[in-house]
PDB file of N, CA and C in Angstrom:
ATOM      1  N   UNK A   1       0.950  -1.235  -0.214  1.00  0.00           N
ATOM      2  CA  UNK A   1       0.114   0.001   0.522  1.00  0.00           C
ATOM      3  C   UNK A   1       1.236   1.312   0.491  1.00  0.00           C
ATOM      4  N   UNK A   2       0.276   1.813  -0.583  1.00  0.00           N
ATOM      5  CA  UNK A   2       0.960   3.854  -1.602  1.00  0.00           C
ATOM      6  C   UNK A   2       0.408   4.379  -0.485  1.00  0.00           C
ATOM      7  N   UNK A   3       0.555   4.713   0.898  1.00  0.00           N
ATOM      8  CA  UNK A   3       0.221   6.174   1.826  1.00  0.00           C
ATOM      9  C   UNK A   3       0.261   7.419   1.539  1.00  0.00           C
ATOM     10  N   UNK A   4      -0.609   8.207   1.303  1.00  0.00           N
ATOM     11  CA  UNK A   4      -0.402   9.672   1.240  1.00  0.00           C
ATOM     12  C   UNK A   4      -0.416   9.966   2.651  1.00  0.00           C
ATOM     13  N   UNK A   5      -0.125  10.798   2.886  1.00  0.00           N
ATOM     14  CA  UNK A   5       0.452  12.239   3.310  1.00  0.00           C
ATOM     15  C   UNK A   5       0.824  13.808   3.353  1.00  0.00           C
ATOM     16  N   UNK A   6       0.030  14.609   3.484  1.00  0.00           N
ATOM     17  CA  UNK A   6      -0.490  15.394   3.584  1.00  0.00           C
ATOM     18  C   UNK A   6      -0.153  16.526   4.531  1.00  0.00           C
ATOM     19  N   UNK A   7       0.614  17.915   4.793  1.00  0.00           N
ATOM     20  CA  UNK A   7       0.155  18.927   5.442  1.00  0.00           C
ATOM     21  C   UNK A   7      -0.406  19.709   5.140  1.00  0.00           C
ATOM     22  N   UNK A   8      -1.308  20.412   5.444  1.00  0.00           N
ATOM     23  CA  UNK A   8      -2.238  20.923   5.376  1.00  0.00           C
ATOM     24  C   UNK A   8      -2.037  22.607   5.161  1.00  0.00           C
ATOM     25  N   UNK A   9      -0.886  22.514   5.868  1.00  0.00           N
ATOM     26  CA  UNK A   9      -0.099  23.837   5.850  1.00  0.00           C
ATOM     27  C   UNK A   9       0.706  24.160   4.407  1.00  0.00           C
ATOM     28  N   UNK A  10       0.942  22.712   4.375  1.00  0.00           N
ATOM     29  CA  UNK A  10       2.521  22.737   2.476  1.00  0.00           C
ATOM     30  C   UNK A  10       0.876  23.316   2.028  1.00  0.00           C
ATOM     31  N   UNK A  11      -0.136  22.576   1.720  1.00  0.00           N
ATOM     32  CA  UNK A  11      -0.699  21.993   0.272  1.00  0.00           C
ATOM     33  C   UNK A  11      -1.358  23.886   0.684  1.00  0.00           C
ATOM     34  N   UNK A  12      -1.269  24.105   1.083  1.00  0.00           N
ATOM     35  CA  UNK A  12      -2.072  25.580   1.075  1.00  0.00           C
ATOM     36  C   UNK A  12      -1.177  27.193   0.595  1.00  0.00           C
ATOM     37  N   UNK A  13      -0.347  26.655   0.328  1.00  0.00           N
ATOM     38  CA  UNK A  13       1.215  27.458  -0.049  1.00  0.00           C
ATOM     39  C   UNK A  13       1.053  27.440  -1.396  1.00  0.00           C
ATOM     40  N   UNK A  14       0.523  25.924  -2.257  1.00  0.00           N
ATOM     41  CA  UNK A  14       0.995  25.698  -3.283  1.00  0.00           C
ATOM     42  C   UNK A  14       0.055  26.489  -3.774  1.00  0.00           C
ATOM     43  N   UNK A  15       0.347  26.774  -5.258  1.00  0.00           N
ATOM     44  CA  UNK A  15      -0.583  27.775  -6.296  1.00  0.00           C
ATOM     45  C   UNK A  15      -1.040  26.600  -6.854  1.00  0.00           C
ATOM     46  N   UNK A  16      -2.289  27.285  -7.875  1.00  0.00           N
ATOM     47  CA  UNK A  16      -3.869  26.784  -7.946  1.00  0.00           C
ATOM     48  C   UNK A  16      -3.299  25.995  -9.155  1.00  0.00           C
ATOM     49  N   UNK A  17      -1.444  26.297 -10.233  1.00  0.00           N
ATOM     50  CA  UNK A  17      -1.218  25.570 -10.629  1.00  0.00           C
ATOM     51  C   UNK A  17      -0.441  24.280 -10.844  1.00  0.00           C
ATOM     52  N   UNK A  18      -0.150  24.308  -9.579  1.00  0.00           N
ATOM     53  CA  UNK A  18       0.578  23.854  -8.177  1.00  0.00           C
ATOM     54  C   UNK A  18      -0.787  22.316  -8.284  1.00  0.00           C
ATOM     55  N   UNK A  19      -1.355  22.893  -7.472  1.00  0.00           N
ATOM     56  CA  UNK A  19      -1.896  22.266  -7.503  1.00  0.00           C
ATOM     57  C   UNK A  19      -2.774  20.452  -8.557  1.00  0.00           C
ATOM     58  N   UNK A  20      -3.077  21.245  -9.805  1.00  0.00           N
ATOM     59  CA  UNK A  20      -3.464  21.216 -10.556  1.00  0.00           C
ATOM     60  C   UNK A  20      -2.712  19.733 -11.700  1.00  0.00           C
ATOM     61  N   UNK A  21      -1.435  20.652 -10.998  1.00  0.00           N
ATOM     62  CA  UNK A  21      -0.716  19.243 -11.460  1.00  0.00           C
ATOM     63  C   UNK A  21      -0.008  18.424 -10.658  1.00  0.00           C
ATOM     64  N   UNK A  22       0.144  18.388  -9.024  1.00  0.00           N
ATOM     65  CA  UNK A  22      -0.619  16.878  -8.843  1.00  0.00           C
ATOM     66  C   UNK A  22      -1.762  16.495  -9.129  1.00  0.00           C
ATOM     67  N   UNK A  23      -2.788  16.910  -9.465  1.00  0.00           N
ATOM     68  CA  UNK A  23      -4.629  15.761  -9.506  1.00  0.00           C
ATOM     69  C   UNK A  23      -4.071  15.699 -10.933  1.00  0.00           C
ATOM     70  N   UNK A  24      -3.033  16.253 -12.254  1.00  0.00           N
ATOM     71  CA  UNK A  24      -2.898  15.157 -13.323  1.00  0.00           C
ATOM     72  C   UNK A  24      -1.398  14.941 -13.544  1.00  0.00           C
ATOM     73  N   UNK A  25      -1.082  14.807 -12.087  1.00  0.00           N
ATOM     74  CA  UNK A  25       0.283  13.894 -12.006  1.00  0.00           C
ATOM     75  C   UNK A  25      -0.593  12.323 -11.284  1.00  0.00           C
ATOM     76  N   UNK A  26      -2.171  12.301 -10.833  1.00  0.00           N
ATOM     77  CA  UNK A  26      -1.589  11.279  -9.964  1.00  0.00           C
ATOM     78  C   UNK A  26      -2.637  10.687 -10.587  1.00  0.00           C
ATOM     79  N   UNK A  27      -3.331  11.228 -12.483  1.00  0.00           N
ATOM     80  CA  UNK A  27      -4.192  10.747 -14.183  1.00  0.00           C
ATOM     81  C   UNK A  27      -3.576   9.839 -14.004  1.00  0.00           C
ATOM     82  N   UNK A  28      -1.786  10.367 -14.526  1.00  0.00           N
ATOM     83  CA  UNK A  28      -0.449  10.289 -15.643  1.00  0.00           C
ATOM     84  C   UNK A  28       0.137   8.756 -14.329  1.00  0.00           C
ATOM     85  N   UNK A  29      -0.421   8.668 -13.298  1.00  0.00           N
ATOM     86  CA  UNK A  29       0.423   7.838 -12.665  1.00  0.00           C
ATOM     87  C   UNK A  29      -0.550   6.760 -11.972  1.00  0.00           C
ATOM     88  N   UNK A  30      -2.458   6.552 -12.817  1.00  0.00           N
ATOM     89  CA  UNK A  30      -3.035   6.166 -12.145  1.00  0.00           C
ATOM     90  C   UNK A  30      -2.985   5.251 -13.406  1.00  0.00           C
ATOM     91  N   UNK A  31      -2.674   5.713 -15.222  1.00  0.00           N
ATOM     92  CA  UNK A  31      -2.710   5.330 -15.742  1.00  0.00           C
ATOM     93  C   UNK A  31      -1.223   4.551 -16.268  1.00  0.00           C
ATOM     94  N   UNK A  32       0.197   4.756 -15.794  1.00  0.00           N
ATOM     95  CA  UNK A  32       1.658   4.223 -15.808  1.00  0.00           C
ATOM     96  C   UNK A  32       0.714   2.352 -14.621  1.00  0.00           C
ATOM     97  N   UNK A  33       0.235   2.521 -13.878  1.00  0.00           N
ATOM     98  CA  UNK A  33       0.046   1.611 -12.875  1.00  0.00           C
ATOM     99  C   UNK A  33      -0.479   0.871 -13.302  1.00  0.00           C
ATOM    100  N   UNK A  34      -1.983   1.129 -14.163  1.00  0.00           N
ATOM    101  CA  UNK A  34      -3.323   0.511 -15.034  1.00  0.00           C
ATOM    102  C   UNK A  34      -2.316  -0.358 -15.906  1.00  0.00           C
ATOM    103  N   UNK A  35      -1.536   0.147 -17.615  1.00  0.00           N
ATOM    104  CA  UNK A  35      -1.148  -0.465 -17.342  1.00  0.00           C
ATOM    105  C   UNK A  35      -0.130  -1.502 -17.618  1.00  0.00           C
ATOM    106  N   UNK A  36       0.709  -1.122 -16.301  1.00  0.00           N
ATOM    107  CA  UNK A  36       1.840  -2.903 -16.561  1.00  0.00           C
ATOM    108  C   UNK A  36       1.235  -3.800 -15.714  1.00  0.00           C
ATOM    109  N   UNK A  37      -0.291  -3.062 -15.155  1.00  0.00           N
ATOM    110  CA  UNK A  37      -0.855  -4.267 -14.938  1.00  0.00           C
ATOM    111  C   UNK A  37      -0.707  -3.968 -12.978  1.00  0.00           C
ATOM    112  N   UNK A  38       0.280  -3.270 -12.672  1.00  0.00           N
ATOM    113  CA  UNK A  38       0.091  -2.763 -10.637  1.00  0.00           C
ATOM    114  C   UNK A  38      -1.053  -2.703  -9.868  1.00  0.00           C
ATOM    115  N   UNK A  39      -2.120  -2.188 -11.078  1.00  0.00           N
ATOM    116  CA  UNK A  39      -2.969  -1.671 -10.001  1.00  0.00           C
ATOM    117  C   UNK A  39      -4.256  -1.897  -9.921  1.00  0.00           C
ATOM    118  N   UNK A  40      -3.616  -2.136  -7.806  1.00  0.00           N
ATOM    119  CA  UNK A  40      -4.396  -2.756  -7.480  1.00  0.00           C
ATOM    120  C   UNK A  40      -5.835  -2.023  -6.966  1.00  0.00           C
ATOM    121  N   UNK A  41      -5.656  -0.945  -6.616  1.00  0.00           N
ATOM    122  CA  UNK A  41      -7.183   0.427  -6.248  1.00  0.00           C
ATOM    123  C   UNK A  41      -6.217   1.857  -5.570  1.00  0.00           C
ATOM    124  N   UNK A  42      -7.312   2.356  -5.827  1.00  0.00           N
ATOM    125  CA  UNK A  42      -6.872   3.435  -5.225  1.00  0.00           C
ATOM    126  C   UNK A  42      -7.659   4.412  -4.916  1.00  0.00           C
ATOM    127  N   UNK A  43      -8.043   5.113  -3.652  1.00  0.00           N
ATOM    128  CA  UNK A  43      -9.742   6.007  -3.101  1.00  0.00           C
ATOM    129  C   UNK A  43      -8.599   7.169  -2.091  1.00  0.00           C
ATOM    130  N   UNK A  44      -9.562   8.340  -2.587  1.00  0.00           N
ATOM    131  CA  UNK A  44      -8.673   9.666  -1.895  1.00  0.00           C
ATOM    132  C   UNK A  44      -9.751  10.070  -0.642  1.00  0.00           C
ATOM    133  N   UNK A  45      -9.127  10.360   0.535  1.00  0.00           N
ATOM    134  CA  UNK A  45      -9.529  10.403   1.892  1.00  0.00           C
ATOM    135  C   UNK A  45     -10.703  11.873   1.572  1.00  0.00           C
ATOM    136  N   UNK A  46     -11.324  11.472   2.615  1.00  0.00           N
ATOM    137  CA  UNK A  46     -11.933  13.406   2.803  1.00  0.00           C
ATOM    138  C   UNK A  46     -10.968  13.726   4.082  1.00  0.00           C
ATOM    139  N   UNK A  47     -11.562  15.416   3.842  1.00  0.00           N
ATOM    140  CA  UNK A  47     -10.784  16.102   4.998  1.00  0.00           C
ATOM    141  C   UNK A  47     -10.854  15.974   6.084  1.00  0.00           C
ATOM    142  N   UNK A  48      -9.737  15.373   6.912  1.00  0.00           N
ATOM    143  CA  UNK A  48      -9.601  15.015   8.557  1.00  0.00           C
ATOM    144  C   UNK A  48     -10.419  15.664   8.883  1.00  0.00           C
ATOM    145  N   UNK A  49     -10.896  16.981   8.871  1.00  0.00           N
ATOM    146  CA  UNK A  49     -12.171  17.940   9.621  1.00  0.00           C
ATOM    147  C   UNK A  49     -13.969  17.129   9.633  1.00  0.00           C
ATOM    148  N   UNK A  50     -14.192  16.361   8.713  1.00  0.00           N
ATOM    149  CA  UNK A  50     -14.952  15.298   8.327  1.00  0.00           C
ATOM    150  C   UNK A  50     -15.014  14.291   9.229  1.00  0.00           C
ATOM    151  N   UNK A  51     -13.834  13.486  10.023  1.00  0.00           N
ATOM    152  CA  UNK A  51     -13.732  12.847  10.630  1.00  0.00           C
ATOM    153  C   UNK A  51     -14.143  12.051  11.900  1.00  0.00           C
ATOM    154  N   UNK A  52     -14.514  11.151  12.347  1.00  0.00           N
ATOM    155  CA  UNK A  52     -15.303  10.333  13.720  1.00  0.00           C
ATOM    156  C   UNK A  52     -13.892  10.321  14.142  1.00  0.00           C
ATOM    157  N   UNK A  53     -13.250   9.871  15.422  1.00  0.00           N
ATOM    158  CA  UNK A  53     -12.360   9.156  15.844  1.00  0.00           C
ATOM    159  C   UNK A  53     -13.384   8.173  17.078  1.00  0.00           C
ATOM    160  N   UNK A  54     -13.301   7.023  16.889  1.00  0.00           N
ATOM    161  CA  UNK A  54     -13.696   5.799  18.001  1.00  0.00           C
ATOM    162  C   UNK A  54     -13.129   4.284  19.704  1.00  0.00           C
ATOM    163  N   UNK A  55     -13.429   5.493  19.989  1.00  0.00           N
ATOM    164  CA  UNK A  55     -12.080   4.798  21.610  1.00  0.00           C
ATOM    165  C   UNK A  55     -13.319   4.748  22.502  1.00  0.00           C
ATOM    166  N   UNK A  56     -12.957   2.718  22.630  1.00  0.00           N
ATOM    167  CA  UNK A  56     -13.304   2.197  23.842  1.00  0.00           C
ATOM    168  C   UNK A  56     -12.949   2.153  25.508  1.00  0.00           C
ATOM    169  N   UNK A  57     -13.492   2.806  25.727  1.00  0.00           N
ATOM    170  CA  UNK A  57     -12.591   2.207  26.952  1.00  0.00           C
ATOM    171  C   UNK A  57     -13.303   1.437  28.139  1.00  0.00           C
ATOM    172  N   UNK A  58     -13.129   1.108  29.075  1.00  0.00           N
ATOM    173  CA  UNK A  58     -13.615   0.025  30.054  1.00  0.00           C
ATOM    174  C   UNK A  58     -15.458  -0.172  29.456  1.00  0.00           C
ATOM    175  N   UNK A  59     -15.167  -1.024  28.036  1.00  0.00           N
ATOM    176  CA  UNK A  59     -16.506  -1.267  27.512  1.00  0.00           C
ATOM    177  C   UNK A  59     -16.974  -0.419  26.973  1.00  0.00           C
ATOM    178  N   UNK A  60     -17.601   1.114  27.646  1.00  0.00           N
ATOM    179  CA  UNK A  60     -17.843   2.015  26.654  1.00  0.00           C
ATOM    180  C   UNK A  60     -17.304   3.060  25.687  1.00  0.00           C
ATOM    181  N   UNK A  61     -18.113   3.057  24.218  1.00  0.00           N
ATOM    182  CA  UNK A  61     -17.715   3.814  23.431  1.00  0.00           C
ATOM    183  C   UNK A  61     -17.736   4.983  23.796  1.00  0.00           C
ATOM    184  N   UNK A  62     -17.044   5.565  23.477  1.00  0.00           N
ATOM    185  CA  UNK A  62     -17.231   7.260  23.136  1.00  0.00           C
ATOM    186  C   UNK A  62     -16.387   8.196  21.178  1.00  0.00           C
ATOM    187  N   UNK A  63     -17.328   8.700  20.471  1.00  0.00           N
ATOM    188  CA  UNK A  63     -16.706   9.129  19.774  1.00  0.00           C
ATOM    189  C   UNK A  63     -16.441  10.715  20.054  1.00  0.00           C
ATOM    190  N   UNK A  64     -15.171  11.097  19.652  1.00  0.00           N
ATOM    191  CA  UNK A  64     -14.930  12.566  18.668  1.00  0.00           C
ATOM    192  C   UNK A  64     -14.371  13.047  17.632  1.00  0.00           C
ATOM    193  N   UNK A  65     -15.461  14.281  17.257  1.00  0.00           N
ATOM    194  CA  UNK A  65     -14.574  14.948  16.296  1.00  0.00           C
ATOM    195  C   UNK A  65     -13.543  14.983  16.060  1.00  0.00           C
ATOM    196  N   UNK A  66     -13.218  15.170  14.357  1.00  0.00           N
ATOM    197  CA  UNK A  66     -11.638  15.267  13.915  1.00  0.00           C
ATOM    198  C   UNK A  66     -10.749  13.233  14.067  1.00  0.00           C
ATOM    199  N   UNK A  67      -9.592  14.214  13.682  1.00  0.00           N
ATOM    200  CA  UNK A  67      -8.173  12.875  13.022  1.00  0.00           C
ATOM    201  C   UNK A  67      -8.345  12.239  14.825  1.00  0.00           C
ATOM    202  N   UNK A  68      -8.405  11.461  14.375  1.00  0.00           N
ATOM    203  CA  UNK A  68      -7.477  10.031  15.808  1.00  0.00           C
ATOM    204  C   UNK A  68      -6.011  10.779  15.996  1.00  0.00           C
ATOM    205  N   UNK A  69      -5.348  12.185  16.204  1.00  0.00           N
ATOM    206  CA  UNK A  69      -4.175  11.592  16.916  1.00  0.00           C
ATOM    207  C   UNK A  69      -3.724  13.000  16.650  1.00  0.00           C
ATOM    208  N   UNK A  70      -2.678  13.915  17.164  1.00  0.00           N
ATOM    209  CA  UNK A  70      -2.501  15.553  16.187  1.00  0.00           C
ATOM    210  C   UNK A  70      -1.873  15.930  15.845  1.00  0.00           C
ATOM    211  N   UNK A  71      -1.528  16.200  15.050  1.00  0.00           N
ATOM    212  CA  UNK A  71      -0.426  15.437  13.198  1.00  0.00           C
ATOM    213  C   UNK A  71      -0.375  17.065  12.800  1.00  0.00           C
ATOM    214  N   UNK A  72       0.854  17.239  12.484  1.00  0.00           N
ATOM    215  CA  UNK A  72       0.586  18.133  11.359  1.00  0.00           C
ATOM    216  C   UNK A  72       0.207  18.099  10.116  1.00  0.00           C
ATOM    217  N   UNK A  73       0.450  16.113   9.594  1.00  0.00           N
ATOM    218  CA  UNK A  73       0.150  15.762   8.764  1.00  0.00           C
ATOM    219  C   UNK A  73      -0.847  14.379   9.148  1.00  0.00           C
ATOM    220  N   UNK A  74      -1.684  14.668   7.636  1.00  0.00           N
ATOM    221  CA  UNK A  74      -2.687  13.596   7.832  1.00  0.00           C
ATOM    222  C   UNK A  74      -2.362  12.666   6.520  1.00  0.00           C
ATOM    223  N   UNK A  75      -3.560  11.684   6.700  1.00  0.00           N
ATOM    224  CA  UNK A  75      -3.197  10.916   5.715  1.00  0.00           C
ATOM    225  C   UNK A  75      -4.525  10.813   4.796  1.00  0.00           C
ATOM    226  N   UNK A  76      -4.202  11.386   3.372  1.00  0.00           N
ATOM    227  CA  UNK A  76      -5.387  12.205   2.799  1.00  0.00           C
ATOM    228  C   UNK A  76      -5.415  10.743   1.417  1.00  0.00           C
ATOM    229  N   UNK A  77      -4.808   9.647   1.014  1.00  0.00           N
ATOM    230  CA  UNK A  77      -5.213   8.779  -0.045  1.00  0.00           C
ATOM    231  C   UNK A  77      -4.474   7.556   0.139  1.00  0.00           C
ATOM    232  N   UNK A  78      -4.510   6.728  -0.870  1.00  0.00           N
ATOM    233  CA  UNK A  78      -3.557   6.174  -0.939  1.00  0.00           C
ATOM    234  C   UNK A  78      -3.507   4.846  -2.387  1.00  0.00           C
ATOM    235  N   UNK A  79      -2.383   4.423  -2.513  1.00  0.00           N
ATOM    236  CA  UNK A  79      -3.171   2.652  -4.014  1.00  0.00           C
ATOM    237  C   UNK A  79      -2.270   1.672  -3.368  1.00  0.00           C
ATOM    238  N   UNK A  80      -3.509   1.551  -3.911  1.00  0.00           N
ATOM    239  CA  UNK A  80      -2.757  -0.676  -2.803  1.00  0.00           C
ATOM    240  C   UNK A  80      -1.810  -0.893  -4.845  1.00  0.00           C
ATOM    241  N   UNK A  81      -1.130  -1.419  -4.586  1.00  0.00           N
ATOM    242  CA  UNK A  81      -0.342  -2.059  -5.922  1.00  0.00           C
ATOM    243  C   UNK A  81       0.222  -3.373  -5.721  1.00  0.00           C
ATOM    244  N   UNK A  82       0.452  -3.899  -6.768  1.00  0.00           N
ATOM    245  CA  UNK A  82       0.193  -5.326  -6.400  1.00  0.00           C
ATOM    246  C   UNK A  82       2.094  -5.425  -7.241  1.00  0.00           C
ATOM    247  N   UNK A  83       3.246  -5.852  -6.653  1.00  0.00           N
ATOM    248  CA  UNK A  83       4.718  -5.144  -7.278  1.00  0.00           C
ATOM    249  C   UNK A  83       5.229  -6.516  -6.598  1.00  0.00           C
ATOM    250  N   UNK A  84       6.573  -6.608  -7.627  1.00  0.00           N
ATOM    251  CA  UNK A  84       7.532  -8.296  -7.295  1.00  0.00           C
ATOM    252  C   UNK A  84       8.249  -7.347  -5.983  1.00  0.00           C
ATOM    253  N   UNK A  85       8.657  -6.026  -5.307  1.00  0.00           N
ATOM    254  CA  UNK A  85       8.972  -6.215  -4.045  1.00  0.00           C
ATOM    255  C   UNK A  85       9.065  -5.224  -4.017  1.00  0.00           C
ATOM    256  N   UNK A  86       8.919  -4.706  -2.143  1.00  0.00           N
ATOM    257  CA  UNK A  86       9.118  -3.609  -1.505  1.00  0.00           C
ATOM    258  C   UNK A  86       9.790  -2.380  -2.747  1.00  0.00           C
ATOM    259  N   UNK A  87      11.382  -2.490  -3.571  1.00  0.00           N
ATOM    260  CA  UNK A  87      11.984  -1.687  -4.044  1.00  0.00           C
ATOM    261  C   UNK A  87      11.163  -1.108  -5.286  1.00  0.00           C
ATOM    262  N   UNK A  88      10.612  -2.751  -5.672  1.00  0.00           N
ATOM    263  CA  UNK A  88       9.737  -1.103  -6.944  1.00  0.00           C
ATOM    264  C   UNK A  88       8.775  -0.739  -6.460  1.00  0.00           C
ATOM    265  N   UNK A  89       8.153  -1.560  -4.874  1.00  0.00           N
ATOM    266  CA  UNK A  89       6.847  -0.517  -4.630  1.00  0.00           C
ATOM    267  C   UNK A  89       6.532   1.555  -4.587  1.00  0.00           C
ATOM    268  N   UNK A  90       8.253   0.538  -3.791  1.00  0.00           N
ATOM    269  CA  UNK A  90       8.790   2.395  -3.594  1.00  0.00           C
ATOM    270  C   UNK A  90       9.468   3.101  -4.770  1.00  0.00           C
ATOM    271  N   UNK A  91      10.001   2.696  -5.892  1.00  0.00           N
ATOM    272  CA  UNK A  91       9.539   3.310  -7.037  1.00  0.00           C
ATOM    273  C   UNK A  91       8.546   3.725  -7.612  1.00  0.00           C
ATOM    274  N   UNK A  92       7.354   3.350  -7.473  1.00  0.00           N
ATOM    275  CA  UNK A  92       6.483   3.488  -7.475  1.00  0.00           C
ATOM    276  C   UNK A  92       5.823   5.078  -6.599  1.00  0.00           C
ATOM    277  N   UNK A  93       5.730   4.640  -5.530  1.00  0.00           N
ATOM    278  CA  UNK A  93       5.404   5.419  -4.926  1.00  0.00           C
ATOM    279  C   UNK A  93       6.289   7.095  -5.138  1.00  0.00           C
ATOM    280  N   UNK A  94       7.023   7.035  -5.097  1.00  0.00           N
ATOM    281  CA  UNK A  94       8.295   8.444  -6.406  1.00  0.00           C
ATOM    282  C   UNK A  94       7.855   8.136  -7.256  1.00  0.00           C
ATOM    283  N   UNK A  95       7.015   8.317  -8.407  1.00  0.00           N
ATOM    284  CA  UNK A  95       6.922   8.161  -9.545  1.00  0.00           C
ATOM    285  C   UNK A  95       4.889   9.717  -8.983  1.00  0.00           C
ATOM    286  N   UNK A  96       4.869   9.147  -6.964  1.00  0.00           N
ATOM    287  CA  UNK A  96       3.368   9.764  -7.269  1.00  0.00           C
ATOM    288  C   UNK A  96       3.941  11.466  -6.523  1.00  0.00           C
ATOM    289  N   UNK A  97       3.054  12.127  -7.816  1.00  0.00           N
ATOM    290  CA  UNK A  97       3.312  14.125  -6.872  1.00  0.00           C
ATOM    291  C   UNK A  97       3.188  14.473  -5.982  1.00  0.00           C
ATOM    292  N   UNK A  98       2.168  13.662  -4.684  1.00  0.00           N
ATOM    293  CA  UNK A  98       3.007  14.107  -3.910  1.00  0.00           C
ATOM    294  C   UNK A  98       3.848  14.346  -2.542  1.00  0.00           C
ATOM    295  N   UNK A  99       4.784  13.545  -3.644  1.00  0.00           N
ATOM    296  CA  UNK A  99       5.696  12.836  -3.155  1.00  0.00           C
ATOM    297  C   UNK A  99       7.095  14.303  -2.532  1.00  0.00           C
ATOM    298  N   UNK A 100       6.306  14.884  -3.586  1.00  0.00           N
ATOM    299  CA  UNK A 100       7.159  16.231  -4.013  1.00  0.00           C
ATOM    300  C   UNK A 100       6.984  17.535  -2.734  1.00  0.00           C
ATOM    301  N   UNK A 101       5.776  17.438  -2.399  1.00  0.00           N
ATOM    302  CA  UNK A 101       5.885  17.997  -1.053  1.00  0.00           C
ATOM    303  C   UNK A 101       5.632  17.400   0.671  1.00  0.00           C
ATOM    304  N   UNK A 102       5.667  16.117   0.334  1.00  0.00           N
ATOM    305  CA  UNK A 102       4.647  15.443   1.620  1.00  0.00           C
ATOM    306  C   UNK A 102       6.063  13.688   1.298  1.00  0.00           C
ATOM    307  N   UNK A 103       5.400  13.059   2.705  1.00  0.00           N
ATOM    308  CA  UNK A 103       6.005  11.389   2.527  1.00  0.00           C
ATOM    309  C   UNK A 103       5.220  10.582   2.256  1.00  0.00           C
ATOM    310  N   UNK A 104       5.274   9.518   1.254  1.00  0.00           N
ATOM    311  CA  UNK A 104       4.504   8.327   0.387  1.00  0.00           C
ATOM    312  C   UNK A 104       5.264   7.358   1.279  1.00  0.00           C
ATOM    313  N   UNK A 105       4.633   6.410   2.886  1.00  0.00           N
ATOM    314  CA  UNK A 105       4.774   5.862   2.881  1.00  0.00           C
ATOM    315  C   UNK A 105       4.422   4.464   2.235  1.00  0.00           C
ATOM    316  N   UNK A 106       5.202   3.264   2.543  1.00  0.00           N
ATOM    317  CA  UNK A 106       5.354   2.114   1.133  1.00  0.00           C
ATOM    318  C   UNK A 106       4.763   1.074   2.240  1.00  0.00           C
ATOM    319  N   UNK A 107       4.085   0.707   2.013  1.00  0.00           N
ATOM    320  CA  UNK A 107       4.155  -0.344   3.700  1.00  0.00           C
ATOM    321  C   UNK A 107       3.438  -1.913   3.069  1.00  0.00           C
ATOM    322  N   UNK A 108       3.915  -3.361   3.303  1.00  0.00           N
ATOM    323  CA  UNK A 108       3.107  -4.209   3.262  1.00  0.00           C
ATOM    324  C   UNK A 108       2.079  -4.618   3.475  1.00  0.00           C
ATOM    325  N   UNK A 109       1.066  -5.096   2.510  1.00  0.00           N
ATOM    326  CA  UNK A 109      -0.380  -6.372   3.682  1.00  0.00           C
ATOM    327  C   UNK A 109       0.481  -7.363   4.782  1.00  0.00           C
ATOM    328  N   UNK A 110      -0.647  -7.405   5.361  1.00  0.00           N
ATOM    329  CA  UNK A 110      -0.184  -8.967   6.797  1.00  0.00           C
ATOM    330  C   UNK A 110      -1.535  -9.457   5.472  1.00  0.00           C
ATOM    331  N   UNK A 111      -1.323 -10.848   4.762  1.00  0.00           N
ATOM    332  CA  UNK A 111      -2.023 -12.243   5.119  1.00  0.00           C
ATOM    333  C   UNK A 111      -2.775 -12.220   6.217  1.00  0.00           C
ATOM    334  N   UNK A 112      -3.736 -13.826   6.245  1.00  0.00           N
ATOM    335  CA  UNK A 112      -4.423 -13.921   6.662  1.00  0.00           C
ATOM    336  C   UNK A 112      -3.575 -14.574   8.362  1.00  0.00           C
ATOM    337  N   UNK A 113      -2.972 -14.822   7.693  1.00  0.00           N
ATOM    338  CA  UNK A 113      -1.960 -16.138   8.435  1.00  0.00           C
ATOM    339  C   UNK A 113      -1.502 -15.400   8.919  1.00  0.00           C
ATOM    340  N   UNK A 114      -1.947 -13.169   9.582  1.00  0.00           N
ATOM    341  CA  UNK A 114      -0.469 -13.064   9.825  1.00  0.00           C
ATOM    342  C   UNK A 114       1.355 -12.537   9.817  1.00  0.00           C
ATOM    343  N   UNK A 115       1.241 -13.186   8.166  1.00  0.00           N
ATOM    344  CA  UNK A 115       2.832 -12.832   7.553  1.00  0.00           C
ATOM    345  C   UNK A 115       2.453 -11.514   6.631  1.00  0.00           C
ATOM    346  N   UNK A 116       3.221 -11.209   6.087  1.00  0.00           N
ATOM    347  CA  UNK A 116       3.566 -10.154   4.708  1.00  0.00           C
ATOM    348  C   UNK A 116       3.230 -10.814   3.702  1.00  0.00           C
ATOM    349  N   UNK A 117       1.813  -9.636   2.962  1.00  0.00           N
ATOM    350  CA  UNK A 117       2.522 -10.961   1.872  1.00  0.00           C
ATOM    351  C   UNK A 117       2.806  -9.735   0.660  1.00  0.00           C
TER     352      UNK A 117
END
């Protein structure tokens, strides 16, 4: 999974043209990984201000508005890719346009038996 993080302050400093380049870059990236057969899925996430966090303490669920942790960066989207290696996944992560402004975390999935796949 290629997890995209963004800093709201960083995003706000981008010009309209730079933001459009990011979106166009995603379209090109999707085309690349679709054509290579490495695309499994992708999704963008809503602004973290629209999220709710649920915690259960002593058997009692409690919900709070907002993201789960105080952080400058938030998880804003992901790509699921099927690659031959973590090295290839890192190469793909470097192609995601947001990598110019923030970090892309590459993390393998765990199999149902608890092993990385």
